Amino acid sequence: MSSPVLTPATELASTNRTRHPNESAAYRRARQALLIEEIELRRQTERVAELRRALPEGGEVTKSYVFEGEGGPVKFAELFGDRQTLIVYNYMFGPQRERPCPMCTSFMSTWDAKLPDIEQRIAFVFVARSPIARLVAAKQARGWTRHKIYSDTSGDYTRDYVSAEDADVSGYSVFTRLDGSIRHFWSGEMGMATADPGQDPRGSPELDPLWSILDTTPEGRGKDWYPRLSY
């Protein structure tokens, strides 16, 4: 299927009639130039999403991973429920940590309210390396009610799909199930090695709206501020 012919971004931007009280001519020129770049960014985001959706089949999941859930042991295949797609978010709360990672906690707090929408289409679970009792206590302390949390007690899944060294790092992986076969679809693979100078390592797409919101402000993300567990 051929891609549609897109109207040039400059032409689309020229249709913009938005004006704000007391803005200068210099502001409007700069804002129109920015609008062109915003249109191009939206298009690039969609091109990347199309490429992601068009990935060839990923590797088959052949190991029998077992996790410890709030109701007892759960096999990997059971995490899908009745969905064909499963997202597994590994958060940084291993046994060596006194408290959960603030950044992971920020992500997960944001997603808590969106899970009812997300789960209309896919399954979404959260995995960490600490014992399940510890994960449950932290979940209750945050007031989360929708997260499906699991302990990777053996670390087998973590070593295969997050960190071969079993490091306490975050991970985001997508799996599909079709005709009884479970395959890996996509995982975030951007990190320190792919970060640009002067920027914190982050992936694409941006999974936490916190940063997208800050990107719309003159202060931006900053270079020395991160979420905290409490304020």
Protein backbone atom coordinates (compact mmCIF):
# COMPACT_ATOMS: atom_id res chain seq x y z
CA MET A 1 0.00 0.00 0.00
CA SER A 2 1.48 3.33 -1.07
CA SER A 3 1.87 6.17 1.39
CA PRO A 4 -0.44 9.17 0.92
CA VAL A 5 1.02 12.31 -0.62
CA LEU A 6 1.39 14.78 2.22
CA THR A 7 0.90 18.50 1.94
CA PRO A 8 4.20 20.26 2.70
CA ALA A 9 4.46 21.32 6.32
CA THR A 10 5.08 24.93 5.30
CA GLU A 11 1.78 24.95 3.42
CA LEU A 12 -0.12 23.42 6.35
CA ALA A 13 1.42 25.94 8.73
CA SER A 14 0.38 28.81 6.48
CA THR A 15 -3.28 27.95 7.15
CA ASN A 16 -2.84 28.66 10.86
CA ARG A 17 -4.87 31.71 11.86
CA THR A 18 -4.22 31.50 15.60
CA ARG A 19 -3.06 34.77 17.12
CA HIS A 20 -2.66 35.75 20.77
CA PRO A 21 -3.21 39.13 22.46
CA ASN A 22 -0.32 41.59 22.10
CA GLU A 23 2.06 39.19 20.38
CA SER A 24 4.82 40.81 18.34
CA ALA A 25 5.55 40.22 14.68
CA ALA A 26 8.84 38.59 15.73
CA TYR A 27 6.99 36.19 18.00
CA ARG A 28 4.55 35.21 15.23
CA ARG A 29 7.35 34.58 12.73
CA ALA A 30 9.21 32.38 15.20
CA ARG A 31 6.01 30.59 16.21
CA GLN A 32 5.11 29.84 12.60
CA ALA A 33 8.61 28.46 12.01
CA LEU A 34 8.21 26.30 15.12
CA LEU A 35 4.82 25.10 13.90
CA ILE A 36 6.44 23.78 10.73
CA GLU A 37 8.91 21.79 12.84
CA GLU A 38 6.09 20.50 15.08
CA ILE A 39 4.23 19.21 12.02
CA GLU A 40 7.40 17.48 10.81
CA LEU A 41 7.96 15.99 14.27
CA ARG A 42 4.43 14.56 14.29
CA ARG A 43 5.07 13.02 10.89
CA GLN A 44 8.40 11.55 11.98
CA THR A 45 6.74 10.09 15.08
CA GLU A 46 4.18 8.37 12.88
CA ARG A 47 6.86 7.11 10.46
CA VAL A 48 8.74 5.53 13.36
CA ALA A 49 5.52 3.97 14.68
CA GLU A 50 4.80 2.51 11.23
CA LEU A 51 8.30 1.02 11.06
CA ARG A 52 7.84 -0.46 14.51
CA ARG A 53 4.51 -2.03 13.59
CA ALA A 54 6.10 -3.49 10.45
CA LEU A 55 8.92 -5.30 12.26
CA PRO A 56 9.44 -8.94 11.21
CA GLU A 57 8.54 -11.67 13.68
CA GLY A 58 10.63 -11.47 16.81
CA GLY A 59 12.21 -14.37 18.62
CA GLU A 60 9.91 -17.01 20.04
CA VAL A 61 9.63 -17.21 23.82
CA THR A 62 10.55 -20.83 24.53
CA LYS A 63 11.41 -20.72 28.24
CA SER A 64 8.77 -21.40 30.86
CA TYR A 65 9.07 -18.24 32.93
CA VAL A 66 7.17 -18.24 36.22
CA PHE A 67 6.47 -15.14 38.30
CA GLU A 68 5.12 -14.70 41.79
CA GLY A 69 1.94 -12.65 41.75
CA GLU A 70 -0.31 -11.33 44.47
CA GLY A 71 -2.35 -14.52 44.18
CA GLY A 72 0.54 -16.97 43.79
CA PRO A 73 2.71 -18.33 40.95
CA VAL A 74 1.81 -17.26 37.40
CA LYS A 75 3.19 -18.57 34.13
CA PHE A 76 4.33 -16.15 31.46
CA ALA A 77 1.55 -17.13 29.05
CA GLU A 78 -1.03 -16.41 31.75
CA LEU A 79 0.05 -12.77 31.89
CA PHE A 80 -1.70 -12.21 28.54
CA GLY A 81 -5.14 -12.99 29.95
CA ASP A 82 -7.42 -12.95 26.91
CA ARG A 83 -5.29 -10.44 24.96
CA GLN A 84 -2.92 -11.05 22.06
CA THR A 85 -0.43 -8.40 23.13
CA LEU A 86 1.40 -8.03 26.44
CA ILE A 87 3.57 -5.20 27.75
CA VAL A 88 5.97 -6.00 30.59
CA TYR A 89 7.44 -3.01 32.41
CA ASN A 90 10.38 -3.90 34.64
CA TYR A 91 10.77 -1.36 37.39
CA MET A 92 13.81 -0.70 39.53
CA PHE A 93 13.01 -2.15 42.94
CA GLY A 94 15.42 -4.99 43.46
CA PRO A 95 16.29 -6.47 46.86
CA GLN A 96 19.29 -4.16 47.17
CA ARG A 97 17.08 -1.04 47.05
CA GLU A 98 15.66 0.40 50.23
CA ARG A 99 12.93 2.21 48.27
CA PRO A 100 11.61 2.02 44.70
CA CYS A 101 13.21 4.07 41.94
CA PRO A 102 11.57 7.54 41.88
CA MET A 103 11.61 7.69 38.08
CA CYS A 104 9.94 4.29 37.71
CA THR A 105 7.45 5.32 40.37
CA SER A 106 6.65 8.47 38.40
CA PHE A 107 5.98 6.42 35.26
CA MET A 108 3.84 3.93 37.11
CA SER A 109 1.82 6.57 38.96
CA THR A 110 0.96 8.21 35.65
CA TRP A 111 -0.08 4.92 34.08
CA ASP A 112 -2.27 3.87 37.02
CA ALA A 113 -5.17 6.02 35.85
CA LYS A 114 -4.74 4.98 32.21
CA LEU A 115 -4.70 1.21 32.75
CA PRO A 116 -8.48 0.80 32.32
CA ASP A 117 -8.14 2.36 28.85
CA ILE A 118 -4.96 0.48 27.94
CA GLU A 119 -6.38 -2.86 29.02
CA GLN A 120 -9.25 -2.54 26.56
CA ARG A 121 -6.68 -3.50 23.91
CA ILE A 122 -3.66 -5.12 25.56
CA ALA A 123 -2.37 -6.67 28.79
CA PHE A 124 0.06 -4.59 30.86
CA VAL A 125 2.00 -5.94 33.85
CA PHE A 126 4.77 -4.70 36.11
CA VAL A 127 7.73 -6.82 37.21
CA ALA A 128 10.53 -6.27 39.71
CA ARG A 129 13.10 -8.47 41.39
CA SER A 130 12.09 -7.95 45.03
CA PRO A 131 9.92 -10.53 46.81
CA ILE A 132 6.21 -10.11 46.10
CA ALA A 133 5.37 -9.11 49.69
CA ARG A 134 7.73 -6.16 49.37
CA LEU A 135 6.23 -5.15 46.02
CA VAL A 136 2.71 -5.36 47.41
CA ALA A 137 3.62 -3.20 50.40
CA ALA A 138 5.11 -0.54 48.10
CA LYS A 139 2.06 -0.70 45.84
CA GLN A 140 -0.27 -0.14 48.79
CA ALA A 141 1.89 2.71 50.07
CA ARG A 142 1.50 4.50 46.73
CA GLY A 143 -2.24 3.93 46.66
CA TRP A 144 -2.11 2.03 43.38
CA THR A 145 -5.14 -0.14 42.81
CA ARG A 146 -4.88 -1.18 39.16
CA HIS A 147 -1.29 -2.35 38.72
CA LYS A 148 -0.78 -6.06 38.14
CA ILE A 149 2.57 -6.59 39.84
CA TYR A 150 4.80 -9.66 39.80
CA SER A 151 8.09 -10.70 41.28
CA ASP A 152 10.67 -12.27 38.98
CA THR A 153 11.92 -14.34 41.88
CA SER A 154 14.35 -16.47 39.87
CA GLY A 155 15.52 -13.60 37.68
CA ASP A 156 15.31 -15.75 34.55
CA TYR A 157 13.09 -13.36 32.65
CA THR A 158 15.06 -10.31 33.79
CA ARG A 159 18.36 -11.76 32.62
CA ASP A 160 16.91 -12.69 29.22
CA TYR A 161 14.98 -9.53 28.39
CA VAL A 162 16.24 -6.72 30.63
CA SER A 163 19.81 -7.21 31.82
CA ALA A 164 22.04 -10.22 31.24
CA GLU A 165 23.94 -9.14 34.37
CA ASP A 166 20.70 -9.03 36.40
CA ALA A 167 21.32 -5.34 37.04
CA ASP A 168 18.58 -3.33 38.72
CA VAL A 169 17.54 -1.40 35.61
CA SER A 170 14.23 -0.61 33.99
CA GLY A 171 12.89 -2.32 30.88
CA TYR A 172 9.89 -2.08 28.60
CA SER A 173 9.08 -5.05 26.37
CA VAL A 174 6.17 -5.98 24.14
CA PHE A 175 5.18 -9.57 23.34
CA THR A 176 2.57 -11.07 21.02
CA ARG A 177 0.68 -14.33 21.12
CA LEU A 178 -0.69 -15.86 17.93
CA ASP A 179 -1.77 -19.44 17.23
CA GLY A 180 -0.31 -20.55 20.55
CA SER A 181 3.13 -19.08 19.83
CA ILE A 182 4.49 -16.26 22.01
CA ARG A 183 7.06 -13.99 20.42
CA HIS A 184 9.00 -10.93 21.44
CA PHE A 185 7.84 -7.91 19.41
CA TRP A 186 9.79 -4.85 20.61
CA SER A 187 11.82 -3.58 23.53
CA GLY A 188 13.27 -0.19 24.28
CA GLU A 189 16.96 -0.31 23.34
CA MET A 190 18.05 3.28 23.87
CA GLY A 191 20.26 4.11 26.83
CA MET A 192 23.52 5.76 27.86
CA ALA A 193 25.31 4.70 24.69
CA THR A 194 22.68 6.31 22.44
CA ALA A 195 22.21 9.54 24.43
CA ASP A 196 23.08 12.86 22.79
CA PRO A 197 25.53 15.27 24.47
CA GLY A 198 24.02 17.25 27.31
CA GLN A 199 20.89 15.11 27.49
CA ASP A 200 19.76 12.45 29.91
CA PRO A 201 19.42 9.04 28.26
CA ARG A 202 15.85 8.50 27.24
CA GLY A 203 13.98 6.44 24.74
CA SER A 204 11.58 7.08 21.93
CA PRO A 205 8.66 7.29 22.16
CA GLU A 206 8.51 9.26 25.38
CA LEU A 207 6.51 7.08 27.75
CA ASP A 208 6.03 9.55 30.60
CA PRO A 209 3.84 12.60 29.86
CA LEU A 210 5.66 14.40 32.66
CA TRP A 211 8.54 15.17 30.31
CA SER A 212 6.30 16.03 27.37
CA ILE A 213 4.49 18.56 29.54
CA LEU A 214 7.74 20.13 30.75
CA ASP A 215 8.96 20.32 27.14
CA THR A 216 6.16 22.83 26.43
CA THR A 217 7.52 25.27 29.04
CA PRO A 218 10.39 27.80 28.92
CA GLU A 219 12.13 25.97 31.78
CA GLY A 220 12.04 22.68 29.89
CA ARG A 221 13.11 19.44 31.55
CA GLY A 222 16.10 20.99 33.25
CA LYS A 223 19.35 19.13 33.81
CA ASP A 224 19.33 18.49 37.56
CA TRP A 225 15.68 17.81 38.45
CA TYR A 226 14.01 14.43 38.79
CA PRO A 227 10.78 13.22 40.40
CA ARG A 228 10.88 12.26 44.05
CA LEU A 229 8.93 9.69 46.01
CA SER A 230 7.56 12.44 48.23
CA TYR A 231 7.58 16.22 48.38
